[in-house]
Amino acid sequence: MTKRSAGVPYLYLFIAAIILAFSTPVFAVEAPGNIFYESKGKLWTIQPDKAGERVISEKCPSGNGLLSPDGKQFVFPVNNAIYSVNLSDKQEKLLYEGEKGKEMDLYSWIQGMEGFVFRINKGKDIFDYFQFKESDNKAVNILEAYEPPFLSDDGKFWAYTTYRPGMKSDESQIYAAEIGTDKKQFVFQGRRKEILGWDKENSVVLYTMFDKIYAFDLVHRQRQIINLPFKEIIVFAYNKSGIMYYNKNQEEKETGIMLFDPQKGEQKGLVEGKKTAFVVTYNQDLSKLIFFVPQNPANDMGEGELYLFESDNATVVKLTRDRGDRVVKEKNLALQWSPDGKYFVYEKVRMKHGDVKKSEIWIAGDGKNEQLRKQAGNPVWGVIK
């Protein structure tokens, strides 16, 4: 760990650490890797430039899948079961079969675990998270959570909250743990707080409540409070450009999504007229993020809009209008970033009576927002080796 001088806020060091040099923006299809998706009842793969499209399984994924770290197999859910397919010979294997009627989706491959984590919606948007090791050929329940956990950059730890709708504000807790172990470390209990993510280079969890940001060091078990220079705001995201927030007191203050640069002491409006928002996913170096703005602030899982924010030019692009429960609760959008972290592949859907009427796959990033495929869904990105 890099030695830090006393009194220097973690957030400022964090922002400085992730300021990277970006190359000249290029067209989205030049991004590396392969995109896996569902179309016409089958599992397909395609390169971002639309080359190399092929069917890799006759089975239809019911949610997002995972490409193994060695790039040789793809694991995907089919309703209540999980299958793997060998990408060289297309041989398939049933890995796990759960209770009928309980659909599942995949969370992440976990370093050092020789397996992956998947989750099952047990009802009322409460998810059970399971670890699966192929060597053991069994699934072990390791977490129950309403809000998706935040995975550390090295894929070793996650931070999660015990919050769920209806819980009293002083009952909510934040924990951090090494994934796949029983040992967990208490981070905070008290009034409702939002997890922002992890310091990229250190085992430091950052979370927020209103006009303060908290940095908790798991190794030294120390907490630092970072006071922001104005009151009555809700911080919901951060990256190298600064802190994203909206005003809590909207009767006397402007409504909209704001960006504050703590180094320059400057702020700017990003999206006008919006009353609330929350982060969905960051790319690997936190230079880009996806956030969701519900149409009705009182119903954060209802209709709303999905946005991409890019730090290099501090701009926002509206990607789609969608149902919040589909975008946030039933999807792990962290799987949809390109390997170089520049682009985001996503599903644009049109809903009717709560069902998907139309679905397309689009790629956004570096100022672009291009359609990749019609009549397709459940996209994830990876590199076949």
Protein backbone atom coordinates (compact mmCIF):
# COMPACT_ATOMS: atom_id res chain seq x y z
CA MET A 1 0.00 0.00 0.00
CA THR A 2 1.25 3.47 -0.87
CA LYS A 3 2.12 5.48 2.22
CA ARG A 4 -0.30 8.35 2.73
CA SER A 5 0.36 11.65 4.47
CA ALA A 6 -1.91 12.44 7.41
CA GLY A 7 -4.95 14.58 6.84
CA VAL A 8 -5.20 14.13 3.06
CA PRO A 9 -8.74 13.03 2.16
CA TYR A 10 -9.03 9.56 0.61
CA LEU A 11 -11.40 10.89 -2.01
CA TYR A 12 -8.95 13.48 -3.32
CA LEU A 13 -6.18 10.90 -3.50
CA PHE A 14 -8.58 8.49 -5.11
CA ILE A 15 -9.61 10.97 -7.78
CA ALA A 16 -5.98 11.85 -8.50
CA ALA A 17 -5.01 8.18 -8.71
CA ILE A 18 -7.51 7.35 -11.42
CA ILE A 19 -6.87 10.28 -13.75
CA LEU A 20 -5.64 8.42 -16.81
CA ALA A 21 -4.52 9.49 -20.24
CA PHE A 22 -7.18 8.72 -22.85
CA SER A 23 -6.51 8.17 -26.51
CA THR A 24 -8.41 10.01 -29.21
CA PRO A 25 -12.03 8.75 -29.28
CA VAL A 26 -12.61 6.01 -31.83
CA PHE A 27 -15.71 4.43 -33.29
CA ALA A 28 -17.34 1.99 -30.90
CA VAL A 29 -16.95 -1.07 -33.13
CA GLU A 30 -13.16 -0.93 -32.73
CA ALA A 31 -13.46 -2.04 -29.11
CA PRO A 32 -11.76 -5.37 -28.27
CA GLY A 33 -13.43 -8.62 -27.24
CA ASN A 34 -16.62 -10.48 -28.03
CA ILE A 35 -20.22 -9.79 -27.13
CA PHE A 36 -22.46 -12.69 -26.08
CA TYR A 37 -26.22 -12.32 -26.37
CA GLU A 38 -29.56 -14.06 -26.81
CA SER A 39 -31.48 -13.91 -30.10
CA LYS A 40 -34.12 -16.09 -31.76
CA GLY A 41 -34.05 -18.52 -28.84
CA LYS A 42 -30.29 -19.21 -29.07
CA LEU A 43 -26.97 -18.05 -27.57
CA TRP A 44 -24.79 -16.07 -29.99
CA THR A 45 -21.44 -14.29 -30.02
CA ILE A 46 -20.33 -11.39 -32.21
CA GLN A 47 -17.40 -9.00 -32.40
CA PRO A 48 -18.09 -5.28 -31.83
CA ASP A 49 -17.50 -4.58 -35.53
CA LYS A 50 -20.30 -7.09 -36.33
CA ALA A 51 -17.81 -9.68 -37.64
CA GLY A 52 -17.59 -13.32 -36.53
CA GLU A 53 -21.25 -13.73 -35.60
CA ARG A 54 -22.11 -17.32 -34.75
CA VAL A 55 -24.38 -19.52 -32.64
CA ILE A 56 -22.60 -21.17 -29.72
CA SER A 57 -25.61 -22.87 -28.10
CA GLU A 58 -29.10 -23.87 -29.17
CA LYS A 59 -30.28 -23.12 -25.64
CA CYS A 60 -31.76 -19.70 -24.89
CA PRO A 61 -30.24 -17.76 -21.94
CA SER A 62 -32.81 -16.33 -19.58
CA GLY A 63 -30.35 -13.78 -18.13
CA ASN A 64 -26.78 -12.53 -18.33
CA GLY A 65 -23.95 -15.06 -18.58
CA LEU A 66 -20.25 -15.14 -17.67
CA LEU A 67 -17.12 -15.77 -19.71
CA SER A 68 -14.52 -17.72 -17.74
CA PRO A 69 -11.24 -15.93 -16.89
CA ASP A 70 -9.34 -18.15 -19.34
CA GLY A 71 -11.82 -17.27 -22.09
CA LYS A 72 -12.52 -20.90 -22.92
CA GLN A 73 -16.04 -21.46 -21.61
CA PHE A 74 -19.23 -19.47 -21.27
CA VAL A 75 -21.61 -20.05 -18.37
CA PHE A 76 -25.24 -18.96 -18.67
CA PRO A 77 -28.61 -19.41 -16.93
CA VAL A 78 -31.62 -21.07 -18.50
CA ASN A 79 -34.51 -20.35 -16.14
CA ASN A 80 -33.69 -22.36 -12.98
CA ALA A 81 -30.53 -24.05 -14.35
CA ILE A 82 -26.96 -23.03 -15.18
CA TYR A 83 -25.08 -24.47 -18.17
CA SER A 84 -21.53 -24.14 -19.46
CA VAL A 85 -20.49 -24.40 -23.09
CA ASN A 86 -16.95 -25.05 -24.34
CA LEU A 87 -16.26 -22.37 -26.94
CA SER A 88 -13.91 -24.54 -29.01
CA ASP A 89 -16.10 -27.61 -29.50
CA LYS A 90 -19.54 -26.36 -28.29
CA GLN A 91 -19.82 -29.18 -25.76
CA GLU A 92 -22.36 -28.32 -23.08
CA LYS A 93 -22.66 -29.34 -19.45
CA LEU A 94 -25.35 -28.81 -16.83
CA LEU A 95 -23.63 -27.26 -13.81
CA TYR A 96 -26.51 -26.57 -11.47
CA GLU A 97 -30.27 -27.01 -11.36
CA GLY A 98 -32.34 -25.18 -8.79
CA GLU A 99 -35.96 -25.05 -7.72
CA LYS A 100 -38.47 -24.76 -10.56
CA GLY A 101 -39.91 -21.30 -10.99
CA LYS A 102 -36.85 -19.64 -9.38
CA GLU A 103 -34.95 -17.93 -12.19
CA MET A 104 -31.34 -16.93 -11.61
CA ASP A 105 -28.66 -14.68 -13.06
CA LEU A 106 -24.89 -14.61 -12.72
CA TYR A 107 -22.90 -12.09 -10.69
CA SER A 108 -19.17 -12.58 -11.29
CA TRP A 109 -16.24 -14.97 -11.56
CA ILE A 110 -14.30 -14.65 -8.32
CA GLN A 111 -10.50 -14.65 -8.29
CA GLY A 112 -8.98 -17.46 -6.26
CA MET A 113 -12.30 -19.24 -5.84
CA GLU A 114 -12.12 -21.39 -8.99
CA GLY A 115 -15.76 -20.64 -9.59
CA PHE A 116 -18.40 -17.98 -9.79
CA VAL A 117 -21.23 -16.34 -7.87
CA PHE A 118 -24.85 -16.41 -9.00
CA ARG A 119 -28.04 -15.14 -7.43
CA ILE A 120 -31.69 -16.15 -7.17
CA ASN A 121 -34.61 -13.80 -6.55
CA LYS A 122 -36.37 -15.31 -3.56
CA GLY A 123 -39.24 -12.82 -3.76
CA LYS A 124 -39.86 -9.13 -3.02
CA ASP A 125 -36.55 -8.32 -4.74
CA ILE A 126 -34.53 -10.09 -2.03
CA PHE A 127 -31.67 -12.05 -3.61
CA ASP A 128 -29.82 -15.08 -2.30
CA TYR A 129 -26.20 -15.14 -3.53
CA PHE A 130 -24.48 -18.51 -4.03
CA GLN A 131 -20.90 -19.47 -4.77
CA PHE A 132 -20.32 -22.37 -7.14
CA LYS A 133 -17.03 -24.27 -7.42
CA GLU A 134 -16.84 -26.67 -10.32
CA SER A 135 -14.42 -28.87 -8.36
CA ASP A 136 -17.02 -29.32 -5.61
CA ASN A 137 -19.97 -29.38 -8.03
CA LYS A 138 -22.24 -27.69 -5.51
CA ALA A 139 -23.68 -24.29 -4.66
CA VAL A 140 -23.30 -22.68 -1.22
CA ASN A 141 -25.47 -19.78 -0.03
CA ILE A 142 -23.18 -16.93 1.06
CA LEU A 143 -25.35 -13.79 1.20
CA GLU A 144 -28.90 -12.45 1.29
CA ALA A 145 -29.30 -8.88 0.05
CA TYR A 146 -31.82 -6.43 -1.38
CA GLU A 147 -29.29 -4.12 -3.03
CA PRO A 148 -26.51 -5.58 -5.25
CA PRO A 149 -23.09 -5.77 -3.52
CA PHE A 150 -20.18 -3.65 -4.76
CA LEU A 151 -17.23 -5.73 -5.97
CA SER A 152 -13.68 -4.47 -5.32
CA ASP A 153 -11.38 -3.84 -8.28
CA ASP A 154 -9.31 -6.99 -7.61
CA GLY A 155 -12.48 -9.12 -7.45
CA LYS A 156 -11.59 -10.37 -3.97
CA PHE A 157 -13.92 -8.38 -1.70
CA TRP A 158 -17.43 -7.06 -1.78
CA ALA A 159 -19.29 -4.46 0.27
CA TYR A 160 -23.01 -4.73 0.92
CA THR A 161 -25.80 -3.25 2.98
CA THR A 162 -28.46 -5.03 5.01
CA TYR A 163 -30.99 -2.37 4.04
CA ARG A 164 -34.34 -3.38 2.58
CA PRO A 165 -37.63 -1.48 2.12
CA GLY A 166 -39.48 -0.93 5.38
CA MET A 167 -36.39 -1.18 7.56
CA LYS A 168 -35.91 1.52 10.17
CA SER A 169 -33.11 3.93 9.38
CA ASP A 170 -31.05 3.00 12.44
CA GLU A 171 -31.18 -0.72 11.63
CA SER A 172 -29.33 -0.59 8.30
CA GLN A 173 -25.76 -1.91 8.36
CA ILE A 174 -22.82 -2.00 5.94
CA TYR A 175 -20.41 -4.93 5.87
CA ALA A 176 -17.35 -5.85 3.81
CA ALA A 177 -16.06 -9.38 3.33
CA GLU A 178 -13.76 -11.54 1.29
CA ILE A 179 -16.07 -13.37 -1.09
CA GLY A 180 -16.52 -17.03 -0.30
CA THR A 181 -15.55 -16.78 3.38
CA ASP A 182 -17.70 -16.68 6.50
CA LYS A 183 -15.72 -13.82 8.01
CA LYS A 184 -17.18 -10.36 7.50
CA GLN A 185 -16.10 -6.97 8.78
CA PHE A 186 -18.53 -4.43 10.18
CA VAL A 187 -18.31 -1.03 8.47
CA PHE A 188 -21.24 1.03 9.72
CA GLN A 189 -24.63 0.91 11.42
CA GLY A 190 -27.01 3.80 11.79
CA ARG A 191 -28.87 6.12 9.51
CA ARG A 192 -29.28 5.06 5.90
CA LYS A 193 -26.08 5.30 3.88
CA GLU A 194 -25.30 4.64 0.25
CA ILE A 195 -22.24 2.60 -0.78
CA LEU A 196 -20.30 4.46 -3.46
CA GLY A 197 -17.72 1.79 -4.21
CA TRP A 198 -14.06 1.03 -3.51
CA ASP A 199 -10.82 2.94 -3.67
CA LYS A 200 -9.19 1.54 -6.80
CA GLU A 201 -5.79 0.84 -5.23
CA ASN A 202 -6.59 0.08 -1.59
CA SER A 203 -9.05 -1.90 0.53
CA VAL A 204 -11.06 1.19 1.34
CA VAL A 205 -14.87 1.27 1.13
CA LEU A 206 -16.41 4.64 0.35
CA TYR A 207 -20.00 5.42 1.28
CA THR A 208 -22.09 8.53 1.77
CA MET A 209 -24.94 10.18 3.60
CA PHE A 210 -26.16 13.54 2.38
CA ASP A 211 -23.28 16.04 2.36
CA LYS A 212 -20.59 13.74 3.75
CA ILE A 213 -18.45 10.97 2.28
CA TYR A 214 -16.99 8.25 4.50
CA ALA A 215 -13.86 6.24 3.76
CA PHE A 216 -13.37 3.06 5.78
CA ASP A 217 -9.99 1.32 5.59
CA LEU A 218 -10.50 -2.44 6.07
CA VAL A 219 -6.85 -3.12 6.81
CA HIS A 220 -6.28 -0.44 9.46
CA ARG A 221 -9.93 -0.32 10.57
CA GLN A 222 -9.96 3.45 10.37
CA ARG A 223 -12.73 5.74 9.16
CA GLN A 224 -12.31 9.17 7.65
CA ILE A 225 -15.16 11.66 7.18
CA ILE A 226 -14.93 13.98 4.19
CA ASN A 227 -17.14 17.06 4.63
CA LEU A 228 -18.39 18.67 1.44
CA PRO A 229 -18.63 22.47 1.19
CA PHE A 230 -22.43 22.67 0.93
CA LYS A 231 -25.45 21.24 2.73
CA GLU A 232 -28.68 19.42 1.96
CA ILE A 233 -27.43 17.37 -0.98
CA ILE A 234 -27.51 13.66 -1.79
CA VAL A 235 -24.24 12.28 -3.20
CA PHE A 236 -24.88 9.20 -5.34
CA ALA A 237 -21.70 8.69 -7.39
CA TYR A 238 -18.14 9.88 -7.91
CA ASN A 239 -15.25 9.45 -10.34
CA LYS A 240 -12.19 11.34 -11.53
CA SER A 241 -14.25 14.36 -12.60
CA GLY A 242 -15.74 14.82 -9.17
CA ILE A 243 -18.84 14.15 -7.12
CA MET A 244 -22.31 13.67 -8.59
CA TYR A 245 -25.25 14.76 -6.49
CA TYR A 246 -28.78 16.16 -6.43
CA ASN A 247 -30.35 18.60 -3.99
CA LYS A 248 -32.28 17.27 -1.02
CA ASN A 249 -34.20 20.51 -0.40
CA GLN A 250 -35.80 20.87 -3.83
CA GLU A 251 -38.29 23.52 -2.82
CA GLU A 252 -35.54 26.09 -2.34
CA LYS A 253 -32.79 24.62 -4.53
CA GLU A 254 -32.47 23.74 -8.19
CA THR A 255 -33.58 20.27 -9.28
CA GLY A 256 -31.25 18.26 -11.47
CA ILE A 257 -28.09 16.12 -11.48
CA MET A 258 -25.03 18.17 -10.53
CA LEU A 259 -21.26 17.59 -10.75
CA PHE A 260 -18.90 19.11 -8.19
CA ASP A 261 -15.11 19.21 -8.69
CA PRO A 262 -13.52 19.26 -5.19
CA GLN A 263 -10.13 20.26 -6.56
CA LYS A 264 -11.35 23.31 -8.48
CA GLY A 265 -14.28 24.06 -6.19
CA GLU A 266 -16.55 24.29 -9.24
CA GLN A 267 -19.90 22.72 -10.03
CA LYS A 268 -21.99 22.28 -13.18
CA GLY A 269 -25.42 20.95 -14.07
CA LEU A 270 -25.48 17.64 -15.95
CA VAL A 271 -29.17 16.77 -16.30
CA GLU A 272 -31.83 19.39 -15.67
CA GLY A 273 -35.06 18.91 -13.75
CA LYS A 274 -34.34 15.49 -12.23
CA LYS A 275 -35.18 14.98 -8.57
CA THR A 276 -33.29 11.79 -7.72
CA ALA A 277 -30.80 9.30 -9.19
CA PHE A 278 -28.60 6.38 -8.23
CA VAL A 279 -25.52 4.72 -9.66
CA VAL A 280 -25.89 1.35 -11.39
CA THR A 281 -22.36 0.40 -12.47
CA TYR A 282 -18.86 1.78 -13.10
CA ASN A 283 -16.30 0.60 -15.61
CA GLN A 284 -13.04 -0.82 -14.24
CA ASP A 285 -11.13 2.43 -13.70
CA LEU A 286 -14.23 4.41 -12.67
CA SER A 287 -13.82 6.81 -15.59
CA LYS A 288 -17.34 6.05 -16.82
CA LEU A 289 -20.52 5.22 -14.98
CA ILE A 290 -24.12 4.27 -15.64
CA PHE A 291 -26.81 5.87 -13.49
CA PHE A 292 -30.58 5.55 -13.38
CA VAL A 293 -33.12 8.37 -12.94
CA PRO A 294 -36.64 7.23 -12.01
CA GLN A 295 -39.53 9.17 -13.48
CA ASN A 296 -41.25 9.24 -10.10
CA PRO A 297 -38.83 9.87 -7.18
CA ALA A 298 -41.24 8.08 -4.84
CA ASN A 299 -40.92 4.91 -6.94
CA ASP A 300 -37.22 4.38 -7.61
CA MET A 301 -37.86 1.03 -9.32
CA GLY A 302 -40.51 2.32 -11.74
CA GLU A 303 -40.18 3.85 -15.19
CA GLY A 304 -37.08 5.92 -15.71
CA GLU A 305 -34.04 6.75 -17.81
CA LEU A 306 -30.60 5.17 -18.04
CA TYR A 307 -27.60 7.53 -18.53
CA LEU A 308 -23.91 7.11 -19.37
CA PHE A 309 -21.52 9.63 -17.81
CA GLU A 310 -17.98 9.94 -19.23
CA SER A 311 -15.25 11.61 -17.18
CA ASP A 312 -12.91 12.56 -19.99
CA ASN A 313 -15.31 15.22 -21.24
CA ALA A 314 -17.74 15.35 -18.28
CA THR A 315 -20.75 14.71 -20.54
CA VAL A 316 -23.94 12.70 -20.11
CA VAL A 317 -25.74 10.63 -22.76
CA LYS A 318 -29.26 9.34 -22.19
CA LEU A 319 -29.25 5.71 -23.30
CA THR A 320 -32.80 4.50 -22.83
CA ARG A 321 -36.11 4.80 -21.08
CA ASP A 322 -36.81 1.55 -19.28
CA ARG A 323 -38.27 -0.17 -16.25
CA GLY A 324 -36.09 0.24 -13.18
CA ASP A 325 -36.61 -3.30 -11.91
CA ARG A 326 -35.42 -4.74 -15.22
CA VAL A 327 -32.42 -2.42 -15.50
CA VAL A 328 -31.20 -2.57 -11.93
CA LYS A 329 -32.59 -5.56 -10.05
CA GLU A 330 -32.62 -8.24 -12.70
CA LYS A 331 -29.38 -7.32 -14.45
CA ASN A 332 -25.72 -7.24 -13.50
CA LEU A 333 -24.64 -4.39 -15.76
CA ALA A 334 -21.03 -4.62 -14.58
CA LEU A 335 -20.67 -7.49 -17.07
CA GLN A 336 -21.47 -5.21 -19.99
CA TRP A 337 -18.32 -3.06 -20.13
CA SER A 338 -15.76 -3.67 -22.88
CA PRO A 339 -12.40 -5.10 -21.69
CA ASP A 340 -10.71 -1.73 -22.27
CA GLY A 341 -13.40 0.01 -20.22
CA LYS A 342 -14.31 2.47 -22.98
CA TYR A 343 -17.66 1.14 -24.11
CA PHE A 344 -20.87 -0.17 -22.65
CA VAL A 345 -23.14 -2.67 -24.41
CA TYR A 346 -26.75 -2.58 -23.28
CA GLU A 347 -30.23 -3.77 -24.06
CA LYS A 348 -32.75 -1.17 -25.21
CA VAL A 349 -36.27 -2.46 -24.67
CA ARG A 350 -39.81 -1.33 -25.27
CA MET A 351 -42.25 -2.48 -22.62
CA LYS A 352 -46.00 -3.15 -22.92
CA HIS A 353 -48.15 -4.24 -19.98
CA GLY A 354 -45.01 -5.16 -18.03
CA ASP A 355 -43.59 -7.41 -20.77
CA VAL A 356 -40.83 -6.84 -23.31
CA LYS A 357 -42.36 -5.97 -26.68
CA LYS A 358 -39.14 -5.11 -28.50
CA SER A 359 -35.45 -5.57 -27.64
CA GLU A 360 -32.26 -4.34 -29.31
CA ILE A 361 -28.54 -4.24 -28.42
CA TRP A 362 -26.64 -0.96 -28.54
CA ILE A 363 -23.02 0.10 -27.84
CA ALA A 364 -22.28 3.46 -26.20
CA GLY A 365 -19.06 5.25 -25.26
CA ASP A 366 -16.55 7.87 -26.37
CA GLY A 367 -19.40 10.05 -27.58
CA LYS A 368 -21.01 7.25 -29.61
CA ASN A 369 -24.31 5.42 -29.22
CA GLU A 370 -24.70 2.84 -31.99
CA GLN A 371 -27.10 -0.04 -32.58
CA LEU A 372 -25.39 -3.43 -32.80
CA ARG A 373 -28.23 -5.92 -33.23
CA LYS A 374 -32.02 -5.96 -33.54
CA GLN A 375 -34.18 -8.59 -31.81
CA ALA A 376 -31.49 -9.43 -29.27
CA GLY A 377 -30.94 -9.15 -25.53
CA ASN A 378 -28.96 -10.12 -22.39
CA PRO A 379 -25.60 -8.83 -23.71
CA VAL A 380 -22.29 -9.35 -21.89
CA TRP A 381 -18.71 -8.64 -22.98
CA GLY A 382 -15.56 -10.76 -22.78
CA VAL A 383 -12.46 -11.99 -24.60
CA ILE A 384 -12.31 -15.45 -26.13
CA LYS A 385 -8.79 -16.87 -25.82
